N, C-alpha and C. Protein backbone atom coordinates (compact mmCIF):
# COMPACT_ATOMS: atom_id res chain seq x y z
N MET A 1 54.23 -5.70 151.69
CA MET A 1 53.40 -6.73 152.28
C MET A 1 52.50 -6.06 153.32
N TYR A 2 51.21 -6.38 153.29
CA TYR A 2 50.34 -5.72 154.25
C TYR A 2 49.18 -6.62 154.64
N THR A 3 48.56 -6.29 155.78
CA THR A 3 47.41 -7.03 156.27
C THR A 3 46.56 -6.11 157.13
N ALA A 4 45.45 -6.65 157.63
CA ALA A 4 44.58 -5.91 158.53
C ALA A 4 44.08 -6.86 159.61
N LEU A 5 43.90 -6.33 160.80
CA LEU A 5 43.43 -7.13 161.93
C LEU A 5 42.48 -6.27 162.75
N PHE A 6 41.19 -6.63 162.69
CA PHE A 6 40.17 -5.92 163.45
C PHE A 6 39.43 -6.93 164.32
N GLY A 7 39.30 -6.62 165.59
CA GLY A 7 38.63 -7.54 166.50
C GLY A 7 39.48 -8.77 166.78
N SER A 8 38.81 -9.89 167.11
CA SER A 8 39.51 -11.09 167.57
C SER A 8 39.42 -12.25 166.58
N TYR A 9 39.21 -11.93 165.28
CA TYR A 9 39.05 -12.99 164.28
C TYR A 9 40.34 -13.76 164.04
N ASP A 10 41.47 -13.08 164.05
CA ASP A 10 42.77 -13.68 163.79
C ASP A 10 43.77 -13.26 164.85
N ARG A 11 44.92 -13.92 164.81
CA ARG A 11 46.08 -13.48 165.59
C ARG A 11 47.21 -13.20 164.61
N LEU A 12 47.81 -12.05 164.70
CA LEU A 12 48.90 -11.67 163.79
C LEU A 12 50.13 -12.51 164.11
N VAL A 13 50.68 -13.16 163.08
CA VAL A 13 51.83 -14.03 163.29
C VAL A 13 53.12 -13.30 162.93
N PRO A 14 54.23 -13.62 163.58
CA PRO A 14 55.52 -12.97 163.28
C PRO A 14 55.97 -13.28 161.85
N GLN A 15 56.80 -12.38 161.32
CA GLN A 15 57.31 -12.57 159.96
C GLN A 15 58.83 -12.40 159.95
N PRO A 16 59.50 -13.10 159.03
CA PRO A 16 60.95 -12.94 158.90
C PRO A 16 61.28 -11.62 158.22
N ALA A 17 62.47 -11.14 158.45
CA ALA A 17 62.92 -9.95 157.72
C ALA A 17 63.21 -10.34 156.27
N VAL A 18 62.67 -9.54 155.35
CA VAL A 18 62.92 -9.75 153.92
C VAL A 18 63.49 -8.45 153.37
N SER A 19 64.69 -8.51 152.82
CA SER A 19 65.38 -7.31 152.36
C SER A 19 64.53 -6.54 151.36
N GLY A 20 64.35 -5.25 151.62
CA GLY A 20 63.63 -4.38 150.71
C GLY A 20 62.12 -4.45 150.81
N ILE A 21 61.60 -5.24 151.75
CA ILE A 21 60.15 -5.42 151.88
C ILE A 21 59.68 -4.87 153.22
N ASP A 22 58.64 -4.03 153.18
CA ASP A 22 58.00 -3.53 154.39
C ASP A 22 56.78 -4.39 154.72
N PHE A 23 56.59 -4.70 156.00
CA PHE A 23 55.42 -5.42 156.47
C PHE A 23 54.57 -4.44 157.29
N VAL A 24 53.34 -4.18 156.84
CA VAL A 24 52.49 -3.17 157.47
C VAL A 24 51.17 -3.81 157.87
N CYS A 25 50.78 -3.62 159.13
CA CYS A 25 49.51 -4.14 159.62
C CYS A 25 48.64 -2.99 160.11
N PHE A 26 47.44 -2.86 159.53
CA PHE A 26 46.45 -1.88 159.97
C PHE A 26 45.52 -2.57 160.97
N THR A 27 45.42 -2.02 162.17
CA THR A 27 44.69 -2.73 163.21
C THR A 27 44.09 -1.79 164.25
N ASP A 28 43.05 -2.30 164.91
CA ASP A 28 42.48 -1.59 166.06
C ASP A 28 42.91 -2.24 167.37
N GLN A 29 43.86 -3.18 167.28
CA GLN A 29 44.33 -3.90 168.46
C GLN A 29 45.65 -3.32 168.96
N PRO A 30 45.84 -3.25 170.29
CA PRO A 30 47.11 -2.74 170.85
C PRO A 30 48.18 -3.84 170.87
N ILE A 31 48.80 -4.07 169.74
CA ILE A 31 49.72 -5.20 169.61
C ILE A 31 51.10 -4.75 169.14
N SER A 32 52.06 -5.62 169.38
CA SER A 32 53.41 -5.47 168.84
C SER A 32 53.88 -6.86 168.46
N VAL A 33 54.19 -7.07 167.18
CA VAL A 33 54.52 -8.40 166.68
C VAL A 33 55.78 -8.30 165.82
N GLN A 34 56.68 -9.25 166.03
CA GLN A 34 57.96 -9.26 165.30
C GLN A 34 57.75 -9.17 163.79
N GLY A 35 58.48 -8.25 163.18
CA GLY A 35 58.50 -8.13 161.73
C GLY A 35 57.48 -7.16 161.16
N TRP A 36 56.52 -6.69 161.98
CA TRP A 36 55.44 -5.84 161.47
C TRP A 36 55.55 -4.40 161.96
N ASP A 37 55.28 -3.47 161.05
CA ASP A 37 55.01 -2.09 161.42
C ASP A 37 53.51 -1.97 161.68
N ILE A 38 53.14 -1.57 162.88
CA ILE A 38 51.74 -1.51 163.29
C ILE A 38 51.20 -0.10 163.05
N VAL A 39 50.09 -0.01 162.31
CA VAL A 39 49.43 1.27 162.04
C VAL A 39 48.06 1.24 162.73
N PRO A 40 47.87 2.00 163.81
CA PRO A 40 46.57 2.01 164.50
C PRO A 40 45.48 2.60 163.63
N VAL A 41 44.31 1.96 163.64
CA VAL A 41 43.17 2.40 162.84
C VAL A 41 41.91 2.26 163.69
N ARG A 42 41.04 3.26 163.59
CA ARG A 42 39.71 3.15 164.18
C ARG A 42 38.70 3.22 163.04
N SER A 43 37.82 2.25 162.96
CA SER A 43 36.85 2.21 161.87
C SER A 43 35.44 2.12 162.43
N PRO A 44 34.49 2.83 161.81
CA PRO A 44 33.08 2.72 162.23
C PRO A 44 32.42 1.45 161.71
N MET A 45 33.10 0.73 160.83
CA MET A 45 32.52 -0.47 160.24
C MET A 45 32.63 -1.66 161.19
N ALA A 46 31.83 -2.69 160.94
CA ALA A 46 32.00 -3.96 161.62
C ALA A 46 33.38 -4.51 161.30
N ASP A 47 33.91 -5.34 162.20
CA ASP A 47 35.31 -5.78 162.09
C ASP A 47 35.64 -6.39 160.73
N ARG A 48 34.83 -7.32 160.27
CA ARG A 48 35.15 -8.01 159.02
C ARG A 48 35.06 -7.08 157.82
N LEU A 49 34.10 -6.17 157.83
CA LEU A 49 33.99 -5.23 156.73
C LEU A 49 35.15 -4.24 156.75
N ALA A 50 35.57 -3.83 157.93
CA ALA A 50 36.74 -2.94 158.04
C ALA A 50 37.97 -3.61 157.45
N ALA A 51 38.14 -4.89 157.73
CA ALA A 51 39.27 -5.62 157.16
C ALA A 51 39.15 -5.74 155.64
N ARG A 52 37.92 -5.92 155.13
CA ARG A 52 37.74 -6.00 153.68
C ARG A 52 38.05 -4.67 153.00
N ASP A 53 37.80 -3.58 153.68
CA ASP A 53 38.14 -2.27 153.12
C ASP A 53 39.63 -2.21 152.84
N VAL A 54 40.43 -2.61 153.81
CA VAL A 54 41.89 -2.59 153.64
C VAL A 54 42.32 -3.61 152.59
N LYS A 55 41.72 -4.77 152.64
CA LYS A 55 42.12 -5.87 151.76
C LYS A 55 41.82 -5.59 150.29
N THR A 56 40.63 -5.09 150.01
CA THR A 56 40.19 -4.97 148.62
C THR A 56 40.69 -3.70 147.94
N ARG A 57 41.07 -2.70 148.73
CA ARG A 57 41.42 -1.39 148.13
C ARG A 57 42.83 -0.96 148.55
N PRO A 58 43.84 -1.67 148.08
CA PRO A 58 45.21 -1.33 148.47
C PRO A 58 45.62 0.09 148.08
N HIS A 59 45.03 0.61 147.00
CA HIS A 59 45.39 1.95 146.56
C HIS A 59 45.05 3.01 147.61
N ARG A 60 44.09 2.72 148.51
CA ARG A 60 43.73 3.66 149.57
C ARG A 60 44.64 3.54 150.78
N TRP A 61 45.22 2.36 150.97
CA TRP A 61 45.93 2.08 152.22
C TRP A 61 47.44 1.99 152.04
N VAL A 62 47.87 1.44 150.92
CA VAL A 62 49.32 1.31 150.67
C VAL A 62 49.65 1.86 149.28
N GLY A 63 48.96 2.91 148.91
CA GLY A 63 49.12 3.49 147.59
C GLY A 63 50.47 4.14 147.34
N GLN A 64 51.25 4.35 148.42
CA GLN A 64 52.58 4.94 148.22
C GLN A 64 53.55 3.96 147.57
N TRP A 65 53.18 2.66 147.57
CA TRP A 65 53.96 1.65 146.87
C TRP A 65 53.31 1.34 145.53
N ARG A 66 54.11 0.97 144.56
CA ARG A 66 53.59 0.66 143.22
C ARG A 66 52.93 -0.70 143.18
N ARG A 67 53.42 -1.62 144.01
CA ARG A 67 52.88 -2.97 144.07
C ARG A 67 52.72 -3.37 145.53
N SER A 68 51.85 -4.33 145.77
CA SER A 68 51.66 -4.80 147.14
C SER A 68 51.30 -6.28 147.12
N ILE A 69 51.49 -6.91 148.27
CA ILE A 69 51.00 -8.28 148.48
C ILE A 69 50.18 -8.27 149.78
N TRP A 70 48.91 -8.54 149.65
CA TRP A 70 48.07 -8.75 150.83
C TRP A 70 48.27 -10.17 151.32
N ILE A 71 48.44 -10.33 152.64
CA ILE A 71 48.38 -11.65 153.26
C ILE A 71 47.45 -11.56 154.46
N ASP A 72 46.60 -12.57 154.64
CA ASP A 72 45.80 -12.62 155.86
C ASP A 72 46.72 -12.62 157.07
N ALA A 73 46.21 -12.12 158.19
CA ALA A 73 47.01 -12.06 159.42
C ALA A 73 47.49 -13.44 159.85
N SER A 74 46.78 -14.48 159.41
CA SER A 74 47.11 -15.85 159.79
C SER A 74 48.16 -16.50 158.89
N VAL A 75 48.65 -15.77 157.88
CA VAL A 75 49.64 -16.31 156.94
C VAL A 75 51.05 -16.00 157.43
N GLN A 76 51.89 -17.00 157.45
CA GLN A 76 53.29 -16.81 157.84
C GLN A 76 54.20 -17.11 156.65
N ILE A 77 55.13 -16.20 156.37
CA ILE A 77 56.08 -16.38 155.28
C ILE A 77 57.15 -17.38 155.70
N LEU A 78 57.37 -18.41 154.88
CA LEU A 78 58.38 -19.42 155.16
C LEU A 78 59.65 -19.23 154.34
N SER A 79 59.49 -18.64 153.15
CA SER A 79 60.62 -18.50 152.25
C SER A 79 60.72 -17.06 151.75
N ARG A 80 61.94 -16.55 151.70
CA ARG A 80 62.14 -15.19 151.19
C ARG A 80 61.88 -15.11 149.69
N THR A 81 61.77 -16.25 149.02
CA THR A 81 61.46 -16.24 147.59
C THR A 81 59.96 -16.05 147.33
N PHE A 82 59.16 -16.06 148.40
CA PHE A 82 57.71 -15.91 148.23
C PHE A 82 57.37 -14.60 147.52
N VAL A 83 58.02 -13.52 147.89
CA VAL A 83 57.69 -12.21 147.33
C VAL A 83 57.90 -12.19 145.82
N THR A 84 59.08 -12.61 145.37
CA THR A 84 59.36 -12.59 143.94
C THR A 84 58.47 -13.59 143.20
N THR A 85 58.20 -14.73 143.82
CA THR A 85 57.33 -15.73 143.18
C THR A 85 55.93 -15.17 142.96
N ALA A 86 55.38 -14.52 143.98
CA ALA A 86 54.02 -13.97 143.88
C ALA A 86 53.96 -12.82 142.88
N LEU A 87 54.94 -11.92 142.92
CA LEU A 87 54.92 -10.78 142.00
C LEU A 87 55.16 -11.22 140.56
N ASP A 88 56.05 -12.18 140.37
CA ASP A 88 56.33 -12.66 139.01
C ASP A 88 55.13 -13.39 138.40
N ALA A 89 54.23 -13.89 139.24
CA ALA A 89 53.06 -14.62 138.75
C ALA A 89 51.95 -13.70 138.25
N MET A 90 52.06 -12.39 138.47
CA MET A 90 50.96 -11.49 138.13
C MET A 90 50.66 -11.45 136.63
N GLN A 91 49.37 -11.48 136.33
CA GLN A 91 48.83 -11.19 135.00
C GLN A 91 47.69 -10.20 135.19
N ASP A 92 47.58 -9.29 134.28
CA ASP A 92 46.57 -8.23 134.40
C ASP A 92 46.66 -7.53 135.76
N GLY A 93 47.88 -7.44 136.29
CA GLY A 93 48.11 -6.73 137.54
C GLY A 93 47.71 -7.48 138.79
N LEU A 94 47.57 -8.82 138.71
CA LEU A 94 46.98 -9.56 139.82
C LEU A 94 47.47 -11.00 139.82
N ALA A 95 47.69 -11.57 141.02
CA ALA A 95 48.01 -13.00 141.14
C ALA A 95 47.49 -13.52 142.48
N LEU A 96 46.95 -14.75 142.46
CA LEU A 96 46.44 -15.39 143.66
C LEU A 96 46.72 -16.90 143.58
N PHE A 97 46.61 -17.56 144.72
CA PHE A 97 46.56 -19.01 144.73
C PHE A 97 45.16 -19.47 144.29
N PRO A 98 45.06 -20.54 143.51
CA PRO A 98 43.74 -21.14 143.30
C PRO A 98 43.23 -21.71 144.62
N HIS A 99 41.91 -21.76 144.79
CA HIS A 99 41.36 -22.36 145.99
C HIS A 99 41.78 -23.83 146.03
N PRO A 100 42.28 -24.31 147.16
CA PRO A 100 42.81 -25.68 147.20
C PRO A 100 41.75 -26.77 147.24
N ASP A 101 40.50 -26.42 147.53
CA ASP A 101 39.47 -27.44 147.74
C ASP A 101 38.32 -27.39 146.75
N ARG A 102 38.05 -26.23 146.16
CA ARG A 102 36.89 -26.08 145.28
C ARG A 102 37.22 -25.21 144.08
N ASP A 103 36.39 -25.33 143.04
CA ASP A 103 36.59 -24.53 141.82
C ASP A 103 35.31 -23.83 141.40
N CYS A 104 34.39 -23.60 142.37
CA CYS A 104 33.07 -23.12 142.00
C CYS A 104 32.50 -22.24 143.12
N ILE A 105 32.03 -21.04 142.78
CA ILE A 105 31.47 -20.15 143.80
C ILE A 105 30.20 -20.73 144.41
N TYR A 106 29.46 -21.51 143.64
CA TYR A 106 28.21 -22.07 144.16
C TYR A 106 28.50 -23.14 145.21
N ASP A 107 29.50 -23.98 144.96
CA ASP A 107 29.89 -24.98 145.96
C ASP A 107 30.46 -24.29 147.20
N GLU A 108 31.24 -23.25 146.99
CA GLU A 108 31.81 -22.50 148.12
C GLU A 108 30.71 -21.88 148.97
N ALA A 109 29.71 -21.31 148.32
CA ALA A 109 28.61 -20.68 149.05
C ALA A 109 27.84 -21.69 149.87
N GLU A 110 27.65 -22.90 149.35
CA GLU A 110 26.94 -23.93 150.10
C GLU A 110 27.69 -24.28 151.38
N ILE A 111 29.02 -24.32 151.32
CA ILE A 111 29.82 -24.57 152.53
C ILE A 111 29.66 -23.41 153.51
N LEU A 112 29.77 -22.20 153.01
CA LEU A 112 29.70 -21.02 153.88
C LEU A 112 28.32 -20.84 154.50
N LYS A 113 27.29 -21.27 153.79
CA LYS A 113 25.93 -21.10 154.30
C LYS A 113 25.64 -21.96 155.51
N THR A 114 26.53 -22.90 155.83
CA THR A 114 26.38 -23.67 157.06
C THR A 114 26.66 -22.81 158.29
N MET A 115 27.27 -21.63 158.08
CA MET A 115 27.49 -20.68 159.17
C MET A 115 26.33 -19.68 159.15
N PRO A 116 25.52 -19.67 160.20
CA PRO A 116 24.26 -18.89 160.17
C PRO A 116 24.44 -17.41 159.84
N GLU A 117 25.58 -16.81 160.23
CA GLU A 117 25.74 -15.37 160.00
C GLU A 117 25.86 -15.02 158.52
N TYR A 118 26.12 -16.04 157.66
CA TYR A 118 26.27 -15.77 156.24
C TYR A 118 25.10 -16.25 155.40
N ALA A 119 24.24 -17.08 155.95
CA ALA A 119 23.25 -17.81 155.15
C ALA A 119 22.34 -16.88 154.34
N THR A 120 21.76 -15.87 154.97
CA THR A 120 20.80 -15.02 154.28
C THR A 120 21.47 -14.21 153.17
N GLN A 121 22.58 -13.54 153.51
CA GLN A 121 23.27 -12.72 152.51
C GLN A 121 23.73 -13.56 151.33
N LEU A 122 24.32 -14.72 151.61
CA LEU A 122 24.85 -15.55 150.54
C LEU A 122 23.73 -16.11 149.66
N GLY A 123 22.59 -16.43 150.26
CA GLY A 123 21.48 -16.91 149.46
C GLY A 123 21.06 -15.90 148.41
N ALA A 124 20.93 -14.63 148.81
CA ALA A 124 20.55 -13.58 147.87
C ALA A 124 21.66 -13.34 146.85
N GLN A 125 22.91 -13.37 147.30
CA GLN A 125 24.04 -13.13 146.40
C GLN A 125 24.13 -14.20 145.31
N ILE A 126 24.01 -15.45 145.71
CA ILE A 126 24.10 -16.56 144.76
C ILE A 126 22.91 -16.55 143.80
N HIS A 127 21.74 -16.22 144.31
CA HIS A 127 20.57 -16.09 143.43
C HIS A 127 20.83 -15.05 142.34
N LYS A 128 21.44 -13.94 142.71
CA LYS A 128 21.76 -12.88 141.75
C LYS A 128 22.73 -13.39 140.68
N TYR A 129 23.77 -14.11 141.08
CA TYR A 129 24.76 -14.59 140.12
C TYR A 129 24.17 -15.65 139.19
N ARG A 130 23.29 -16.48 139.71
CA ARG A 130 22.61 -17.46 138.85
C ARG A 130 21.73 -16.74 137.82
N ALA A 131 21.02 -15.72 138.29
CA ALA A 131 20.14 -14.97 137.38
C ALA A 131 20.95 -14.27 136.29
N GLU A 132 22.18 -13.88 136.61
CA GLU A 132 23.04 -13.23 135.62
C GLU A 132 23.70 -14.23 134.68
N GLY A 133 23.53 -15.52 134.97
CA GLY A 133 24.09 -16.55 134.10
C GLY A 133 25.53 -16.92 134.38
N PHE A 134 26.02 -16.59 135.58
CA PHE A 134 27.41 -16.95 135.87
C PHE A 134 27.52 -18.47 135.96
N PRO A 135 28.47 -19.07 135.24
CA PRO A 135 28.53 -20.54 135.16
C PRO A 135 29.17 -21.20 136.39
N ARG A 136 28.92 -22.48 136.52
CA ARG A 136 29.53 -23.28 137.57
C ARG A 136 30.93 -23.75 137.15
N HIS A 137 31.75 -24.01 138.15
CA HIS A 137 33.05 -24.67 137.96
C HIS A 137 33.94 -23.95 136.94
N VAL A 138 34.02 -22.63 137.09
CA VAL A 138 34.92 -21.87 136.21
C VAL A 138 36.06 -21.24 137.01
N GLY A 139 36.30 -21.76 138.21
CA GLY A 139 37.43 -21.30 138.99
C GLY A 139 37.02 -20.58 140.26
N LEU A 140 37.87 -20.72 141.27
CA LEU A 140 37.68 -20.08 142.57
C LEU A 140 39.06 -19.74 143.10
N TRP A 141 39.19 -18.54 143.64
CA TRP A 141 40.48 -18.09 144.13
C TRP A 141 40.51 -18.09 145.66
N ALA A 142 41.66 -18.41 146.20
CA ALA A 142 41.90 -18.28 147.64
C ALA A 142 42.39 -16.85 147.88
N THR A 143 41.60 -16.05 148.54
CA THR A 143 41.89 -14.61 148.62
C THR A 143 42.72 -14.22 149.84
N GLY A 144 43.30 -15.18 150.51
CA GLY A 144 44.15 -14.88 151.66
C GLY A 144 45.53 -14.35 151.27
N VAL A 145 45.88 -14.48 150.00
CA VAL A 145 47.15 -13.96 149.47
C VAL A 145 46.84 -13.33 148.11
N ILE A 146 47.16 -12.04 147.96
CA ILE A 146 46.86 -11.35 146.70
C ILE A 146 48.03 -10.43 146.34
N ALA A 147 48.70 -10.74 145.24
CA ALA A 147 49.74 -9.85 144.71
C ALA A 147 49.11 -8.91 143.70
N ARG A 148 49.40 -7.60 143.80
CA ARG A 148 48.75 -6.62 142.93
C ARG A 148 49.69 -5.52 142.47
N GLU A 149 49.48 -5.13 141.24
CA GLU A 149 50.03 -3.88 140.70
C GLU A 149 48.94 -2.84 140.89
N HIS A 150 49.30 -1.65 141.37
CA HIS A 150 48.27 -0.64 141.64
C HIS A 150 47.95 0.16 140.38
N CYS A 151 47.57 -0.58 139.35
CA CYS A 151 47.24 0.05 138.07
C CYS A 151 45.76 0.42 138.05
N ARG A 152 45.34 1.10 136.99
CA ARG A 152 43.97 1.61 136.93
C ARG A 152 42.95 0.48 137.00
N SER A 153 43.18 -0.62 136.27
CA SER A 153 42.19 -1.71 136.26
C SER A 153 42.08 -2.38 137.63
N VAL A 154 43.19 -2.49 138.34
CA VAL A 154 43.15 -3.11 139.67
C VAL A 154 42.52 -2.17 140.69
N ARG A 155 42.73 -0.87 140.54
CA ARG A 155 42.04 0.08 141.42
C ARG A 155 40.52 0.02 141.19
N ARG A 156 40.12 -0.08 139.93
CA ARG A 156 38.69 -0.21 139.64
C ARG A 156 38.13 -1.50 140.24
N LEU A 157 38.88 -2.59 140.07
CA LEU A 157 38.47 -3.86 140.67
C LEU A 157 38.29 -3.70 142.18
N GLY A 158 39.23 -3.05 142.84
CA GLY A 158 39.15 -2.89 144.29
C GLY A 158 37.92 -2.12 144.73
N ARG A 159 37.61 -1.06 144.01
CA ARG A 159 36.43 -0.27 144.37
C ARG A 159 35.15 -1.10 144.25
N GLN A 160 35.03 -1.82 143.16
CA GLN A 160 33.83 -2.61 142.94
C GLN A 160 33.77 -3.83 143.87
N TRP A 161 34.92 -4.40 144.18
CA TRP A 161 34.97 -5.56 145.08
C TRP A 161 34.50 -5.15 146.48
N PHE A 162 35.00 -4.03 146.96
CA PHE A 162 34.56 -3.59 148.29
C PHE A 162 33.07 -3.26 148.28
N ASP A 163 32.57 -2.69 147.20
CA ASP A 163 31.14 -2.41 147.11
C ASP A 163 30.32 -3.70 147.24
N ARG A 164 30.80 -4.77 146.64
CA ARG A 164 30.10 -6.05 146.77
C ARG A 164 30.21 -6.61 148.19
N CYS A 165 31.34 -6.40 148.82
CA CYS A 165 31.48 -6.82 150.22
C CYS A 165 30.50 -6.06 151.11
N GLN A 166 30.27 -4.80 150.80
CA GLN A 166 29.32 -3.99 151.57
C GLN A 166 27.88 -4.39 151.33
N HIS A 167 27.51 -4.64 150.08
CA HIS A 167 26.11 -4.76 149.72
C HIS A 167 25.66 -6.18 149.39
N GLU A 168 26.59 -7.11 149.26
CA GLU A 168 26.21 -8.50 149.00
C GLU A 168 26.59 -9.37 150.20
N SER A 169 27.88 -9.66 150.37
CA SER A 169 28.34 -10.36 151.57
C SER A 169 29.83 -10.10 151.74
N VAL A 170 30.33 -10.26 152.95
CA VAL A 170 31.75 -10.03 153.21
C VAL A 170 32.61 -11.19 152.73
N ARG A 171 32.00 -12.27 152.28
CA ARG A 171 32.79 -13.40 151.80
C ARG A 171 33.32 -13.08 150.41
N ASP A 172 34.46 -12.47 150.39
CA ASP A 172 34.99 -11.88 149.16
C ASP A 172 35.38 -12.90 148.11
N GLN A 173 35.67 -14.15 148.52
CA GLN A 173 36.03 -15.16 147.53
C GLN A 173 34.85 -15.53 146.64
N VAL A 174 33.63 -15.29 147.12
CA VAL A 174 32.44 -15.60 146.31
C VAL A 174 32.21 -14.52 145.26
N SER A 175 32.40 -13.27 145.63
CA SER A 175 32.14 -12.18 144.68
C SER A 175 33.26 -11.96 143.68
N LEU A 176 34.47 -12.44 143.97
CA LEU A 176 35.60 -12.12 143.10
C LEU A 176 35.49 -12.71 141.69
N PRO A 177 35.21 -14.01 141.50
CA PRO A 177 35.17 -14.53 140.12
C PRO A 177 34.15 -13.85 139.21
N PRO A 178 32.89 -13.60 139.65
CA PRO A 178 31.99 -12.88 138.76
C PRO A 178 32.47 -11.46 138.43
N LEU A 179 33.11 -10.82 139.41
CA LEU A 179 33.60 -9.47 139.18
C LEU A 179 34.77 -9.47 138.19
N LEU A 180 35.68 -10.39 138.34
CA LEU A 180 36.79 -10.51 137.39
C LEU A 180 36.28 -10.75 135.98
N ARG A 181 35.28 -11.61 135.88
CA ARG A 181 34.71 -11.91 134.56
C ARG A 181 34.08 -10.67 133.93
N SER A 182 33.37 -9.90 134.75
CA SER A 182 32.69 -8.71 134.21
C SER A 182 33.69 -7.63 133.79
N LEU A 183 34.86 -7.58 134.44
CA LEU A 183 35.86 -6.56 134.13
C LEU A 183 36.89 -7.05 133.11
N GLY A 184 36.81 -8.32 132.74
CA GLY A 184 37.75 -8.85 131.76
C GLY A 184 39.16 -9.01 132.30
N ILE A 185 39.29 -9.30 133.59
CA ILE A 185 40.60 -9.47 134.22
C ILE A 185 40.85 -10.96 134.44
N ALA A 186 42.01 -11.43 133.99
CA ALA A 186 42.41 -12.83 134.16
C ALA A 186 43.66 -12.88 135.02
N PRO A 187 43.53 -13.14 136.32
CA PRO A 187 44.69 -13.10 137.21
C PRO A 187 45.70 -14.19 136.89
N GLY A 188 46.95 -13.95 137.30
CA GLY A 188 47.94 -14.99 137.28
C GLY A 188 47.78 -15.91 138.48
N THR A 189 48.36 -17.09 138.37
CA THR A 189 48.26 -18.11 139.41
C THR A 189 49.59 -18.24 140.15
N ILE A 190 49.56 -18.04 141.46
CA ILE A 190 50.75 -18.30 142.27
C ILE A 190 50.92 -19.81 142.36
N PRO A 191 52.09 -20.34 142.03
CA PRO A 191 52.24 -21.80 141.94
C PRO A 191 52.17 -22.47 143.31
N GLY A 192 51.59 -23.67 143.31
CA GLY A 192 51.55 -24.46 144.53
C GLY A 192 50.16 -24.54 145.13
N ASN A 193 50.03 -25.36 146.14
CA ASN A 193 48.79 -25.54 146.89
C ASN A 193 48.82 -24.66 148.12
N LEU A 194 47.75 -23.90 148.35
CA LEU A 194 47.72 -22.96 149.47
C LEU A 194 48.02 -23.63 150.80
N TRP A 195 47.49 -24.83 151.01
CA TRP A 195 47.66 -25.50 152.31
C TRP A 195 49.00 -26.19 152.43
N ASP A 196 49.66 -26.49 151.31
CA ASP A 196 50.86 -27.33 151.35
C ASP A 196 51.87 -26.83 150.33
N ASN A 197 52.72 -25.90 150.76
CA ASN A 197 53.77 -25.40 149.89
C ASN A 197 54.94 -24.92 150.75
N LYS A 198 56.05 -24.60 150.10
CA LYS A 198 57.25 -24.21 150.83
C LYS A 198 57.41 -22.70 150.96
N LEU A 199 56.41 -21.95 150.49
CA LEU A 199 56.49 -20.50 150.52
C LEU A 199 55.85 -19.89 151.77
N ILE A 200 54.65 -20.41 152.14
CA ILE A 200 53.89 -19.85 153.25
C ILE A 200 53.23 -20.96 154.06
N ARG A 201 52.84 -20.61 155.28
CA ARG A 201 52.00 -21.48 156.10
C ARG A 201 50.75 -20.70 156.48
N VAL A 202 49.58 -21.32 156.34
CA VAL A 202 48.33 -20.69 156.72
C VAL A 202 47.86 -21.29 158.04
N ARG A 203 47.78 -20.44 159.05
CA ARG A 203 47.32 -20.90 160.36
C ARG A 203 45.81 -20.75 160.46
N ASP A 204 45.19 -21.55 161.31
CA ASP A 204 43.73 -21.51 161.45
C ASP A 204 43.27 -20.15 161.98
N HIS A 205 42.12 -19.66 161.45
CA HIS A 205 41.48 -18.50 162.03
C HIS A 205 41.00 -18.86 163.43
N LEU A 206 41.03 -17.89 164.33
CA LEU A 206 40.63 -18.16 165.71
C LEU A 206 39.16 -18.49 165.84
N ARG A 207 38.31 -17.90 164.99
CA ARG A 207 36.87 -18.03 165.19
C ARG A 207 36.16 -18.67 164.00
N GLU A 208 36.90 -19.50 163.24
CA GLU A 208 36.26 -20.13 162.08
C GLU A 208 36.93 -21.45 161.81
N SER A 209 36.16 -22.52 161.75
CA SER A 209 36.74 -23.84 161.55
C SER A 209 36.58 -24.36 160.13
N VAL A 210 35.67 -23.77 159.34
CA VAL A 210 35.46 -24.21 157.97
C VAL A 210 36.60 -23.68 157.10
N GLN A 211 37.24 -24.54 156.31
CA GLN A 211 38.33 -24.11 155.46
C GLN A 211 37.76 -23.47 154.20
N THR A 212 37.87 -22.16 154.13
CA THR A 212 37.36 -21.42 153.00
C THR A 212 38.43 -20.46 152.52
N GLY A 213 38.08 -19.65 151.47
CA GLY A 213 39.05 -18.72 150.88
C GLY A 213 39.46 -17.67 151.82
């Protein structure tokens, strides 16, 4: 289990002990939180992009493990069965929760564009996807929880996903469905609703009030 925390976007929440599972947090913050092994990191990137580097490319950060589960720093584990549930859900080396509110990258982008820091980048990104013929309402993933096998196809996905975060926008939930489609990857679905389930609790981000992926 791993996460990243750069700047003041989130607060790392404590986690229960789960037998056989390591909890690793890569961060530039001087913190100590119950249940986590803290790995200090200094990055030249902006905070959100630095976090996307860790999130999208597990093979670079937790490659010593064969499988990993990314959780946002704001996610708290409620049940020890969460790990097996998430890993057992994997297809094509990947499993995520479906987005609880939307099923379309275009609808998601319209919500995100209400935040001025994303409007310009997302406008260009969505224009590109429309020009490529990416369809509406073909699914949207909540990327705050990602179970992965560190296989070749998932490593390739990670490299290309981070590239899109760098050159299109950091809102990774928008770029993921077109990228999955282009690579022929069909993720498994972690059962339940992201906001309301017995496995995890998602706490609000400190600096964002819009409920997005």
